[in-house]
Amino acid sequence: MTRAGQSYRGEIEVTCRSLEEHFKMLYEKCVTPAQKRQLRNTYSAARYVFWKFDETEPAGKSDLVEKTYKDLKVTNTRIKAMLKNMGDIDVFLNLAAEAVRLADFPVAVQDHSYMDQRGASSS
């Protein structure tokens, strides 16, 4: 795996671990069945992307991949800040879904699929 791939993989791992380590607390903050479903789907999608990234060398370094990596890094920073002081769970769920979408980008470019905002795989 290239150095750029390892960096992107590291950010994907941050996304996945943030959801994994705080899943119980996040689940308790969810009030509606839809929120709980979105959390489960997002966590599942994050784990899938993390696994898939290890199976596939990401698309070559490009300006778009680099920008997406930077966006993922910023999104992960926002996730970590929200986890320290959880406010609106819907805002967090949308942010986590965005992180998964960004994490999926280099893999999606490789296999021409993507994750939608609900964490479901599309082709």
N, C-alpha and C. Protein backbone atom coordinates (compact mmCIF):
# COMPACT_ATOMS: atom_id res chain seq x y z
N MET A 1 0.85 -1.18 0.00
CA MET A 1 0.00 0.00 0.00
C MET A 1 0.89 1.23 0.00
N THR A 2 0.52 2.21 -0.79
CA THR A 2 1.31 3.43 -0.87
C THR A 2 1.19 4.24 0.42
N ARG A 3 2.10 5.18 0.58
CA ARG A 3 2.06 6.05 1.77
C ARG A 3 0.76 6.85 1.82
N ALA A 4 0.32 7.34 0.65
CA ALA A 4 -0.95 8.08 0.60
C ALA A 4 -2.10 7.16 0.99
N GLY A 5 -2.05 5.90 0.53
CA GLY A 5 -3.08 4.93 0.88
C GLY A 5 -3.12 4.66 2.37
N GLN A 6 -1.94 4.58 2.99
CA GLN A 6 -1.88 4.35 4.43
C GLN A 6 -2.47 5.52 5.20
N SER A 7 -2.22 6.75 4.75
CA SER A 7 -2.79 7.93 5.41
C SER A 7 -4.31 7.92 5.32
N TYR A 8 -4.81 7.62 4.12
CA TYR A 8 -6.26 7.57 3.93
C TYR A 8 -6.85 6.46 4.78
N ARG A 9 -6.18 5.30 4.80
CA ARG A 9 -6.62 4.19 5.62
C ARG A 9 -6.69 4.59 7.09
N GLY A 10 -5.71 5.36 7.54
CA GLY A 10 -5.69 5.84 8.93
C GLY A 10 -6.91 6.69 9.24
N GLU A 11 -7.30 7.54 8.33
CA GLU A 11 -8.49 8.38 8.56
C GLU A 11 -9.77 7.55 8.54
N ILE A 12 -9.80 6.55 7.66
CA ILE A 12 -10.96 5.65 7.64
C ILE A 12 -11.06 4.90 8.97
N GLU A 13 -9.92 4.50 9.50
CA GLU A 13 -9.89 3.81 10.79
C GLU A 13 -10.39 4.74 11.90
N VAL A 14 -10.02 6.01 11.85
CA VAL A 14 -10.50 6.98 12.85
C VAL A 14 -12.02 7.05 12.81
N THR A 15 -12.59 7.11 11.61
CA THR A 15 -14.04 7.16 11.47
C THR A 15 -14.67 5.92 12.09
N CYS A 16 -14.16 4.77 11.72
CA CYS A 16 -14.71 3.50 12.19
C CYS A 16 -14.57 3.37 13.71
N ARG A 17 -13.41 3.66 14.23
CA ARG A 17 -13.18 3.52 15.68
C ARG A 17 -14.01 4.52 16.49
N SER A 18 -14.18 5.72 15.96
CA SER A 18 -15.01 6.71 16.66
C SER A 18 -16.43 6.18 16.85
N LEU A 19 -16.96 5.57 15.81
CA LEU A 19 -18.31 5.01 15.91
C LEU A 19 -18.32 3.77 16.81
N GLU A 20 -17.31 2.93 16.68
CA GLU A 20 -17.24 1.70 17.46
C GLU A 20 -17.10 1.97 18.96
N GLU A 21 -16.18 2.83 19.31
CA GLU A 21 -15.89 3.09 20.72
C GLU A 21 -17.00 3.84 21.43
N HIS A 22 -17.81 4.57 20.69
CA HIS A 22 -18.87 5.38 21.30
C HIS A 22 -20.27 4.90 20.91
N PHE A 23 -20.33 3.70 20.33
CA PHE A 23 -21.61 3.22 19.81
C PHE A 23 -22.70 3.19 20.88
N LYS A 24 -22.40 2.63 22.04
CA LYS A 24 -23.41 2.50 23.10
C LYS A 24 -23.95 3.88 23.50
N MET A 25 -23.06 4.84 23.73
CA MET A 25 -23.49 6.18 24.11
C MET A 25 -24.33 6.82 22.99
N LEU A 26 -23.88 6.65 21.74
CA LEU A 26 -24.61 7.22 20.61
C LEU A 26 -26.00 6.57 20.47
N TYR A 27 -26.04 5.27 20.65
CA TYR A 27 -27.32 4.55 20.55
C TYR A 27 -28.30 5.03 21.61
N GLU A 28 -27.79 5.28 22.81
CA GLU A 28 -28.65 5.79 23.88
C GLU A 28 -29.16 7.20 23.59
N LYS A 29 -28.40 7.98 22.83
CA LYS A 29 -28.83 9.34 22.46
C LYS A 29 -29.90 9.32 21.38
N CYS A 30 -29.95 8.23 20.61
CA CYS A 30 -30.96 8.11 19.56
C CYS A 30 -32.33 7.94 20.20
N VAL A 31 -33.29 8.73 19.74
CA VAL A 31 -34.63 8.70 20.31
C VAL A 31 -35.58 7.89 19.44
N THR A 32 -35.46 8.03 18.15
CA THR A 32 -36.40 7.38 17.24
C THR A 32 -35.80 6.11 16.64
N PRO A 33 -36.65 5.21 16.20
CA PRO A 33 -36.16 4.02 15.51
C PRO A 33 -35.34 4.38 14.25
N ALA A 34 -35.75 5.44 13.57
CA ALA A 34 -35.02 5.87 12.38
C ALA A 34 -33.59 6.31 12.72
N GLN A 35 -33.42 7.01 13.82
CA GLN A 35 -32.08 7.42 14.25
C GLN A 35 -31.23 6.19 14.59
N LYS A 36 -31.82 5.24 15.30
CA LYS A 36 -31.09 4.03 15.67
C LYS A 36 -30.69 3.24 14.43
N ARG A 37 -31.59 3.15 13.46
CA ARG A 37 -31.31 2.46 12.21
C ARG A 37 -30.19 3.18 11.44
N GLN A 38 -30.25 4.50 11.40
CA GLN A 38 -29.22 5.26 10.71
C GLN A 38 -27.86 5.04 11.37
N LEU A 39 -27.81 5.04 12.70
CA LEU A 39 -26.55 4.79 13.40
C LEU A 39 -26.01 3.40 13.08
N ARG A 40 -26.86 2.39 13.16
CA ARG A 40 -26.42 1.02 12.85
C ARG A 40 -25.93 0.92 11.41
N ASN A 41 -26.68 1.50 10.48
CA ASN A 41 -26.29 1.44 9.06
C ASN A 41 -24.97 2.18 8.81
N THR A 42 -24.81 3.33 9.44
CA THR A 42 -23.59 4.11 9.26
C THR A 42 -22.38 3.37 9.83
N TYR A 43 -22.55 2.79 11.01
CA TYR A 43 -21.46 2.03 11.62
C TYR A 43 -21.11 0.81 10.75
N SER A 44 -22.12 0.12 10.28
CA SER A 44 -21.90 -1.04 9.42
C SER A 44 -21.18 -0.63 8.13
N ALA A 45 -21.60 0.47 7.54
CA ALA A 45 -20.97 0.96 6.32
C ALA A 45 -19.52 1.36 6.57
N ALA A 46 -19.26 1.98 7.73
CA ALA A 46 -17.88 2.37 8.07
C ALA A 46 -16.99 1.14 8.20
N ARG A 47 -17.49 0.11 8.84
CA ARG A 47 -16.71 -1.14 8.97
C ARG A 47 -16.47 -1.76 7.61
N TYR A 48 -17.49 -1.74 6.74
CA TYR A 48 -17.34 -2.31 5.40
C TYR A 48 -16.29 -1.55 4.60
N VAL A 49 -16.34 -0.23 4.64
CA VAL A 49 -15.37 0.57 3.89
C VAL A 49 -13.97 0.32 4.42
N PHE A 50 -13.82 0.21 5.73
CA PHE A 50 -12.51 -0.06 6.32
C PHE A 50 -11.98 -1.41 5.82
N TRP A 51 -12.82 -2.42 5.83
CA TRP A 51 -12.44 -3.74 5.35
C TRP A 51 -12.12 -3.70 3.85
N LYS A 52 -12.99 -3.06 3.09
CA LYS A 52 -12.83 -2.99 1.63
C LYS A 52 -11.55 -2.25 1.26
N PHE A 53 -11.21 -1.22 2.02
CA PHE A 53 -10.00 -0.45 1.73
C PHE A 53 -8.77 -1.34 1.84
N ASP A 54 -8.76 -2.25 2.81
CA ASP A 54 -7.64 -3.17 2.97
C ASP A 54 -7.54 -4.17 1.83
N GLU A 55 -8.67 -4.44 1.18
CA GLU A 55 -8.70 -5.41 0.09
C GLU A 55 -8.30 -4.80 -1.25
N THR A 56 -8.37 -3.49 -1.37
CA THR A 56 -8.17 -2.83 -2.65
C THR A 56 -7.19 -1.68 -2.49
N GLU A 57 -6.24 -1.61 -3.35
CA GLU A 57 -5.36 -0.44 -3.37
C GLU A 57 -6.20 0.73 -3.87
N PRO A 58 -6.23 1.84 -3.15
CA PRO A 58 -7.08 2.96 -3.57
C PRO A 58 -6.64 3.54 -4.90
N ALA A 59 -7.56 4.25 -5.51
CA ALA A 59 -7.26 4.91 -6.78
C ALA A 59 -6.03 5.78 -6.64
N GLY A 60 -5.35 5.96 -7.72
CA GLY A 60 -4.12 6.75 -7.70
C GLY A 60 -4.31 8.13 -7.12
N LYS A 61 -3.20 8.70 -6.70
CA LYS A 61 -3.25 10.03 -6.09
C LYS A 61 -3.68 11.04 -7.15
N SER A 62 -4.68 11.78 -6.82
CA SER A 62 -5.17 12.84 -7.71
C SER A 62 -5.59 14.00 -6.83
N ASP A 63 -5.83 15.13 -7.46
CA ASP A 63 -6.28 16.30 -6.70
C ASP A 63 -7.61 16.02 -6.00
N LEU A 64 -8.49 15.28 -6.67
CA LEU A 64 -9.80 14.98 -6.08
C LEU A 64 -9.66 14.04 -4.88
N VAL A 65 -8.82 13.01 -5.00
CA VAL A 65 -8.59 12.10 -3.88
C VAL A 65 -7.95 12.86 -2.72
N GLU A 66 -6.99 13.72 -3.02
CA GLU A 66 -6.33 14.51 -1.96
C GLU A 66 -7.32 15.44 -1.26
N LYS A 67 -8.19 16.09 -2.03
CA LYS A 67 -9.20 16.98 -1.43
C LYS A 67 -10.16 16.17 -0.56
N THR A 68 -10.56 15.00 -1.04
CA THR A 68 -11.48 14.16 -0.29
C THR A 68 -10.83 13.69 1.01
N TYR A 69 -9.55 13.35 0.95
CA TYR A 69 -8.80 12.96 2.15
C TYR A 69 -8.80 14.11 3.17
N LYS A 70 -8.53 15.32 2.70
CA LYS A 70 -8.52 16.48 3.61
C LYS A 70 -9.90 16.72 4.19
N ASP A 71 -10.94 16.57 3.39
CA ASP A 71 -12.31 16.73 3.88
C ASP A 71 -12.64 15.68 4.94
N LEU A 72 -12.18 14.44 4.72
CA LEU A 72 -12.40 13.38 5.70
C LEU A 72 -11.69 13.70 7.00
N LYS A 73 -10.48 14.20 6.91
CA LYS A 73 -9.71 14.55 8.10
C LYS A 73 -10.44 15.64 8.91
N VAL A 74 -10.95 16.65 8.24
CA VAL A 74 -11.70 17.72 8.90
C VAL A 74 -12.99 17.17 9.51
N THR A 75 -13.67 16.31 8.77
CA THR A 75 -14.92 15.72 9.27
C THR A 75 -14.64 14.87 10.51
N ASN A 76 -13.55 14.10 10.50
CA ASN A 76 -13.19 13.31 11.68
C ASN A 76 -12.88 14.20 12.88
N THR A 77 -12.25 15.33 12.64
CA THR A 77 -11.98 16.28 13.73
C THR A 77 -13.29 16.78 14.32
N ARG A 78 -14.25 17.08 13.46
CA ARG A 78 -15.56 17.54 13.93
C ARG A 78 -16.29 16.43 14.71
N ILE A 79 -16.16 15.20 14.24
CA ILE A 79 -16.78 14.06 14.94
C ILE A 79 -16.20 13.94 16.34
N LYS A 80 -14.87 13.99 16.44
CA LYS A 80 -14.22 13.88 17.75
C LYS A 80 -14.68 14.99 18.69
N ALA A 81 -14.81 16.20 18.18
CA ALA A 81 -15.27 17.33 19.00
C ALA A 81 -16.71 17.10 19.46
N MET A 82 -17.56 16.61 18.56
CA MET A 82 -18.96 16.37 18.93
C MET A 82 -19.07 15.25 19.96
N LEU A 83 -18.20 14.26 19.87
CA LEU A 83 -18.24 13.16 20.83
C LEU A 83 -17.90 13.62 22.24
N LYS A 84 -17.10 14.67 22.35
CA LYS A 84 -16.75 15.22 23.67
C LYS A 84 -17.89 16.01 24.28
N ASN A 85 -18.72 16.58 23.42
CA ASN A 85 -19.83 17.40 23.89
C ASN A 85 -21.02 17.17 22.95
N MET A 86 -21.69 16.03 23.13
CA MET A 86 -22.76 15.65 22.23
C MET A 86 -23.94 16.58 22.35
N GLY A 87 -24.31 17.12 21.23
CA GLY A 87 -25.49 17.98 21.15
C GLY A 87 -26.60 17.24 20.43
N ASP A 88 -26.97 17.73 19.28
CA ASP A 88 -28.05 17.18 18.46
C ASP A 88 -27.58 15.88 17.80
N ILE A 89 -28.23 14.77 18.10
CA ILE A 89 -27.84 13.48 17.55
C ILE A 89 -28.04 13.45 16.04
N ASP A 90 -29.06 14.14 15.52
CA ASP A 90 -29.27 14.17 14.07
C ASP A 90 -28.10 14.82 13.35
N VAL A 91 -27.56 15.88 13.91
CA VAL A 91 -26.39 16.54 13.32
C VAL A 91 -25.22 15.57 13.32
N PHE A 92 -25.01 14.87 14.43
CA PHE A 92 -23.93 13.91 14.50
C PHE A 92 -24.11 12.79 13.48
N LEU A 93 -25.31 12.24 13.38
CA LEU A 93 -25.57 11.15 12.44
C LEU A 93 -25.30 11.57 11.00
N ASN A 94 -25.69 12.77 10.66
CA ASN A 94 -25.42 13.29 9.30
C ASN A 94 -23.93 13.48 9.08
N LEU A 95 -23.23 13.96 10.09
CA LEU A 95 -21.78 14.15 9.99
C LEU A 95 -21.08 12.79 9.84
N ALA A 96 -21.51 11.81 10.62
CA ALA A 96 -20.92 10.47 10.52
C ALA A 96 -21.18 9.85 9.15
N ALA A 97 -22.38 10.04 8.62
CA ALA A 97 -22.70 9.54 7.28
C ALA A 97 -21.82 10.22 6.23
N GLU A 98 -21.57 11.50 6.40
CA GLU A 98 -20.68 12.22 5.49
C GLU A 98 -19.26 11.66 5.57
N ALA A 99 -18.79 11.36 6.77
CA ALA A 99 -17.45 10.78 6.93
C ALA A 99 -17.36 9.44 6.22
N VAL A 100 -18.39 8.62 6.33
CA VAL A 100 -18.38 7.32 5.65
C VAL A 100 -18.38 7.52 4.13
N ARG A 101 -19.16 8.46 3.66
CA ARG A 101 -19.18 8.75 2.21
C ARG A 101 -17.80 9.17 1.73
N LEU A 102 -17.15 10.04 2.49
CA LEU A 102 -15.80 10.48 2.14
C LEU A 102 -14.79 9.34 2.24
N ALA A 103 -14.96 8.50 3.26
CA ALA A 103 -14.05 7.36 3.43
C ALA A 103 -14.18 6.38 2.27
N ASP A 104 -15.38 6.24 1.74
CA ASP A 104 -15.64 5.31 0.66
C ASP A 104 -15.11 5.80 -0.68
N PHE A 105 -14.84 7.07 -0.82
CA PHE A 105 -14.51 7.64 -2.11
C PHE A 105 -13.37 6.94 -2.86
N PRO A 106 -12.18 6.74 -2.26
CA PRO A 106 -11.11 6.12 -3.05
C PRO A 106 -11.42 4.68 -3.43
N VAL A 107 -12.17 3.98 -2.59
CA VAL A 107 -12.56 2.61 -2.92
C VAL A 107 -13.62 2.64 -4.00
N ALA A 108 -14.56 3.58 -3.90
CA ALA A 108 -15.64 3.70 -4.87
C ALA A 108 -15.09 4.03 -6.26
N VAL A 109 -14.08 4.86 -6.30
CA VAL A 109 -13.46 5.20 -7.58
C VAL A 109 -12.89 3.93 -8.20
N GLN A 110 -12.33 3.08 -7.34
CA GLN A 110 -11.72 1.83 -7.80
C GLN A 110 -12.78 0.86 -8.32
N ASP A 111 -13.89 0.68 -7.58
CA ASP A 111 -14.87 -0.33 -7.99
C ASP A 111 -16.19 0.27 -8.49
N HIS A 112 -16.24 1.58 -8.70
CA HIS A 112 -17.38 2.27 -9.31
C HIS A 112 -18.68 2.13 -8.52
N SER A 113 -18.60 2.13 -7.21
CA SER A 113 -19.79 2.15 -6.37
C SER A 113 -19.60 3.26 -5.34
N TYR A 114 -20.61 3.51 -4.53
CA TYR A 114 -20.50 4.53 -3.50
C TYR A 114 -21.46 4.23 -2.37
N MET A 115 -21.25 4.89 -1.23
CA MET A 115 -22.17 4.77 -0.10
C MET A 115 -23.08 5.99 -0.11
N ASP A 116 -24.37 5.75 0.05
CA ASP A 116 -25.27 6.90 0.12
C ASP A 116 -25.31 7.43 1.56
N GLN A 117 -26.07 8.47 1.79
CA GLN A 117 -26.09 9.14 3.08
C GLN A 117 -26.66 8.27 4.20
N ARG A 118 -27.40 7.22 3.86
CA ARG A 118 -27.96 6.34 4.89
C ARG A 118 -27.02 5.17 5.16
N GLY A 119 -25.88 5.12 4.47
CA GLY A 119 -24.92 4.05 4.69
C GLY A 119 -25.20 2.82 3.85
N ALA A 120 -26.17 2.90 2.95
CA ALA A 120 -26.49 1.76 2.10
C ALA A 120 -25.63 1.80 0.84
N SER A 121 -25.20 0.66 0.39
CA SER A 121 -24.35 0.58 -0.79
C SER A 121 -25.19 0.72 -2.04
N SER A 122 -24.67 1.47 -3.00
CA SER A 122 -25.34 1.66 -4.30
C SER A 122 -24.33 1.41 -5.40
N SER A 123 -24.80 1.12 -6.57
CA SER A 123 -23.87 0.93 -7.71
C SER A 123 -24.22 1.88 -8.83
